[in-house]
Amino acid sequence: MEHPATKALMADETFVLPENVDYSFSEALIQYESTVNSHWLRNSSIIVIFNNLKGFAKRLAEAPLSDGFPDYAVRDDAIGAMNYILSRIKPLTQPDLQFYAHFTNGVYDDGDLLKIWRCIQDGIVDRALKSFLPR
């Protein structure tokens, strides 16, 4: 299913898509699941950053998320929609991986960068502690 707000959200992700590529939310979920559950990331922390919350909210005003996702029954505001998308993403991540999610208005905001840095530190400490525990 394609929805203008999710397409904009995916364009703001680390993997930027060319303008002429039709990339659905379902395809993005498949790519996410394949990537985070690969053997290369089995000892990693996963940090999902929802960037450009204001732009996402603007697009939702034009096209409510419930138009493209019938199972979305929450109010059509940016936080509710982001939480819905997060509820679709998080179960795809293996439970033994540390999972963090952040909603930001800009990657270069000092407060947001501090939160992300704390997640990175938490992941490092968590992995170090797990390495000392007997299996």
Protein backbone atom coordinates (compact mmCIF):
# COMPACT_ATOMS: atom_id res chain seq x y z
CA MET A 1 0.00 0.00 0.00
CA GLU A 2 1.31 3.41 -0.90
CA HIS A 3 0.52 6.47 1.15
CA PRO A 4 2.04 9.91 0.51
CA ALA A 5 3.12 10.35 4.14
CA THR A 6 4.89 6.99 4.36
CA LYS A 7 6.61 7.62 1.03
CA ALA A 8 7.90 10.92 2.39
CA LEU A 9 8.97 9.20 5.59
CA MET A 10 10.92 6.57 3.68
CA ALA A 11 12.61 9.25 1.57
CA ASP A 12 13.98 10.78 4.77
CA GLU A 13 15.54 7.49 5.86
CA THR A 14 19.17 6.50 5.49
CA PHE A 15 18.44 4.82 2.16
CA VAL A 16 17.25 7.63 -0.10
CA LEU A 17 15.17 6.56 -3.05
CA PRO A 18 15.27 8.10 -6.51
CA GLU A 19 12.17 10.16 -7.34
CA ASN A 20 10.99 7.82 -10.10
CA VAL A 21 11.04 4.66 -7.96
CA ASP A 22 7.69 3.47 -6.61
CA TYR A 23 8.49 2.03 -3.20
CA SER A 24 5.60 0.92 -1.00
CA PHE A 25 5.51 0.80 2.78
CA SER A 26 5.21 -3.00 2.57
CA GLU A 27 8.42 -3.17 0.56
CA ALA A 28 10.13 -0.92 3.10
CA LEU A 29 9.04 -3.26 5.91
CA ILE A 30 10.42 -6.27 4.05
CA GLN A 31 13.73 -4.48 3.48
CA TYR A 32 13.85 -3.40 7.14
CA GLU A 33 13.19 -6.94 8.41
CA SER A 34 15.78 -8.41 6.07
CA THR A 35 18.39 -5.84 7.09
CA VAL A 36 18.00 -5.77 10.88
CA ASN A 37 17.72 -9.54 11.18
CA SER A 38 20.78 -10.30 9.07
CA HIS A 39 23.63 -12.15 10.72
CA TRP A 40 25.78 -9.04 10.30
CA LEU A 41 23.71 -7.17 12.89
CA ARG A 42 23.02 -9.96 15.38
CA ASN A 43 25.08 -8.26 18.14
CA SER A 44 23.90 -4.75 17.37
CA SER A 45 21.48 -2.19 18.67
CA ILE A 46 18.82 -0.94 16.29
CA ILE A 47 18.05 2.78 16.37
CA VAL A 48 15.11 3.87 14.23
CA ILE A 49 14.93 7.62 13.74
CA PHE A 50 11.71 9.16 12.47
CA ASN A 51 13.00 12.41 11.05
CA ASN A 52 11.05 15.47 9.84
CA LEU A 53 8.04 15.10 12.12
CA LYS A 54 6.71 18.50 10.97
CA GLY A 55 6.81 17.50 7.29
CA PHE A 56 5.14 14.20 8.12
CA ALA A 57 2.35 16.03 10.02
CA LYS A 58 1.84 18.36 7.05
CA ARG A 59 1.41 15.41 4.68
CA LEU A 60 -1.00 13.71 7.08
CA ALA A 61 -3.22 16.79 6.99
CA GLU A 62 -3.47 16.34 3.21
CA ALA A 63 -3.92 12.56 3.25
CA PRO A 64 -4.86 10.83 6.53
CA LEU A 65 -2.96 7.62 7.24
CA SER A 66 -6.25 5.76 7.65
CA ASP A 67 -6.86 6.27 3.90
CA GLY A 68 -4.00 3.92 3.07
CA PHE A 69 -4.11 1.68 6.14
CA PRO A 70 -7.64 0.51 7.06
CA ASP A 71 -6.37 -1.10 10.29
CA TYR A 72 -5.12 2.28 11.51
CA ALA A 73 -7.85 3.40 13.90
CA VAL A 74 -6.05 6.08 15.90
CA ARG A 75 -6.48 9.81 15.37
CA ASP A 76 -4.64 11.18 12.37
CA ASP A 77 -1.96 13.23 14.09
CA ALA A 78 1.76 12.85 13.53
CA ILE A 79 2.54 11.18 16.88
CA GLY A 80 -0.33 8.68 16.57
CA ALA A 81 0.69 7.86 13.01
CA MET A 82 4.37 7.48 13.95
CA ASN A 83 3.41 5.19 16.82
CA TYR A 84 1.32 3.11 14.41
CA ILE A 85 4.27 2.83 12.01
CA LEU A 86 6.51 1.95 14.96
CA SER A 87 4.03 -0.78 15.96
CA ARG A 88 4.45 -2.25 12.46
CA ILE A 89 8.27 -2.02 12.57
CA LYS A 90 9.17 -3.18 16.08
CA PRO A 91 7.73 -6.74 15.84
CA LEU A 92 9.94 -7.35 12.79
CA THR A 93 13.06 -6.89 14.91
CA GLN A 94 14.46 -9.96 16.67
CA PRO A 95 13.68 -9.74 20.40
CA ASP A 96 17.32 -10.18 21.43
CA LEU A 97 18.33 -6.92 19.69
CA GLN A 98 18.26 -3.65 21.60
CA PHE A 99 15.63 -1.48 19.87
CA TYR A 100 15.35 2.30 20.18
CA ALA A 101 13.06 4.71 18.35
CA HIS A 102 13.17 8.51 18.21
CA PHE A 103 10.93 11.13 16.65
CA THR A 104 12.87 14.22 15.59
CA ASN A 105 12.31 17.44 13.72
CA GLY A 106 15.88 17.55 12.51
CA VAL A 107 18.89 15.27 12.75
CA TYR A 108 21.15 18.20 13.66
CA ASP A 109 19.25 19.27 16.78
CA ASP A 110 21.61 19.03 19.77
CA GLY A 111 18.90 17.59 22.04
CA ASP A 112 18.05 14.87 19.54
CA LEU A 113 21.70 14.05 18.95
CA LEU A 114 22.21 13.72 22.71
CA LYS A 115 19.31 11.24 22.95
CA ILE A 116 20.72 9.20 20.08
CA TRP A 117 24.20 9.26 21.63
CA ARG A 118 22.71 7.94 24.90
CA CYS A 119 21.10 5.06 22.99
CA ILE A 120 24.45 4.22 21.42
CA GLN A 121 26.13 4.28 24.84
CA ASP A 122 23.35 2.13 26.32
CA GLY A 123 23.79 -0.41 23.54
CA ILE A 124 27.55 -0.57 24.11
CA VAL A 125 27.13 -1.04 27.86
CA ASP A 126 24.39 -3.64 27.35
CA ARG A 127 26.57 -5.69 24.97
CA ALA A 128 29.55 -5.46 27.32
CA LEU A 129 27.47 -6.68 30.27
CA LYS A 130 26.02 -9.54 28.24
CA SER A 131 29.52 -10.64 27.24
CA PHE A 132 30.40 -11.17 30.92
CA LEU A 133 27.31 -13.24 31.72
CA PRO A 134 27.60 -17.01 31.46
CA ARG A 135 25.60 -18.54 28.64
